[in-house]
Amino acid sequence: MSNSSTNESSIRKEVVEVWQDTVETKSAGESDNFFHVGGDSMRAIYMLVELRAKLGVAIEVEEFLACPTLGSLILIASKSSSVPD
């Protein structure tokens, strides 16, 4: 397994854990909409702050709100943490 795929896997795992903690669920699918599974605007801000603290990624609230799914959040976090070669 390459270093970048290991990094992407760990980012995905962390994003899923923070998402699940935020909306208080044990399951999550990448197509889940944050607001349909119990999220609200305050929880969204909390979740983005947690991701910044745990992964060092700064995700704008507006960027998340444009497509508030778990899959989209994983993609944004992965791109935000990428270091150019």
Protein backbone atom coordinates (compact mmCIF):
# COMPACT_ATOMS: atom_id res chain seq x y z
CA MET A 1 0.00 0.00 0.00
CA SER A 2 1.41 3.34 -0.99
CA ASN A 3 1.96 6.13 1.50
CA SER A 4 -0.69 8.33 -0.15
CA SER A 5 -3.34 5.59 -0.03
CA THR A 6 -2.46 4.92 3.61
CA ASN A 7 -2.88 8.64 4.30
CA GLU A 8 -6.21 8.74 2.43
CA SER A 9 -7.41 5.72 4.37
CA SER A 10 -6.53 7.30 7.71
CA ILE A 11 -8.19 10.58 6.66
CA ARG A 12 -11.33 8.68 5.64
CA LYS A 13 -11.39 6.80 8.94
CA GLU A 14 -11.01 9.99 10.98
CA VAL A 15 -13.65 11.87 8.99
CA VAL A 16 -16.12 9.00 9.43
CA GLU A 17 -15.43 8.85 13.18
CA VAL A 18 -15.91 12.60 13.64
CA TRP A 19 -19.08 12.50 11.50
CA GLN A 20 -20.50 9.61 13.54
CA ASP A 21 -19.66 11.31 16.85
CA THR A 22 -21.19 14.58 15.67
CA VAL A 23 -24.54 13.13 14.58
CA GLU A 24 -24.46 10.43 17.27
CA THR A 25 -24.72 7.39 15.03
CA LYS A 26 -22.80 4.15 14.66
CA SER A 27 -23.30 3.84 10.92
CA ALA A 28 -22.65 6.20 8.06
CA GLY A 29 -22.75 5.94 4.30
CA GLU A 30 -20.91 8.21 1.90
CA SER A 31 -24.20 9.38 0.36
CA ASP A 32 -25.65 10.35 3.76
CA ASN A 33 -26.70 14.00 3.92
CA PHE A 34 -25.53 15.60 7.16
CA PHE A 35 -28.83 17.39 7.72
CA HIS A 36 -30.93 14.28 7.03
CA VAL A 37 -29.10 12.19 9.64
CA GLY A 38 -29.44 14.59 12.56
CA GLY A 39 -26.95 17.35 11.82
CA ASP A 40 -27.64 21.05 12.10
CA SER A 41 -25.62 24.21 11.49
CA MET A 42 -24.06 24.26 14.97
CA ARG A 43 -23.04 20.61 14.70
CA ALA A 44 -21.58 21.29 11.26
CA ILE A 45 -19.35 24.01 12.69
CA TYR A 46 -18.36 21.76 15.61
CA MET A 47 -17.51 18.93 13.20
CA LEU A 48 -15.33 21.16 11.01
CA VAL A 49 -13.50 22.45 14.10
CA GLU A 50 -12.90 18.86 15.22
CA LEU A 51 -11.54 17.90 11.79
CA ARG A 52 -9.21 20.88 11.87
CA ALA A 53 -7.92 19.86 15.31
CA LYS A 54 -7.50 16.18 14.42
CA LEU A 55 -6.35 16.38 10.80
CA GLY A 56 -5.08 19.91 10.43
CA VAL A 57 -7.47 20.60 7.54
CA ALA A 58 -9.30 23.90 7.27
CA ILE A 59 -12.66 23.33 5.59
CA GLU A 60 -14.85 26.36 5.03
CA VAL A 61 -18.43 26.04 6.28
CA GLU A 62 -19.73 27.22 2.90
CA GLU A 63 -17.72 24.54 1.11
CA PHE A 64 -19.23 21.81 3.27
CA LEU A 65 -22.76 23.24 3.03
CA ALA A 66 -22.58 23.23 -0.79
CA CYS A 67 -22.67 19.41 -0.69
CA PRO A 68 -23.16 18.19 2.89
CA THR A 69 -22.59 14.47 2.36
CA LEU A 70 -20.06 12.24 4.06
CA GLY A 71 -18.46 11.34 0.73
CA SER A 72 -18.04 14.98 -0.18
CA LEU A 73 -16.54 15.76 3.21
CA ILE A 74 -14.03 12.91 2.85
CA LEU A 75 -13.05 14.23 -0.59
CA ILE A 76 -12.65 17.81 0.68
CA ALA A 77 -10.59 16.66 3.67
CA SER A 78 -8.37 14.48 1.46
CA LYS A 79 -7.72 17.34 -0.96
CA SER A 80 -7.11 19.81 1.88
CA SER A 81 -4.50 17.56 3.42
CA SER A 82 -2.69 16.80 0.16
CA VAL A 83 0.81 18.14 -0.10
CA PRO A 84 1.90 18.97 -3.64
CA ASP A 85 4.82 16.90 -4.96
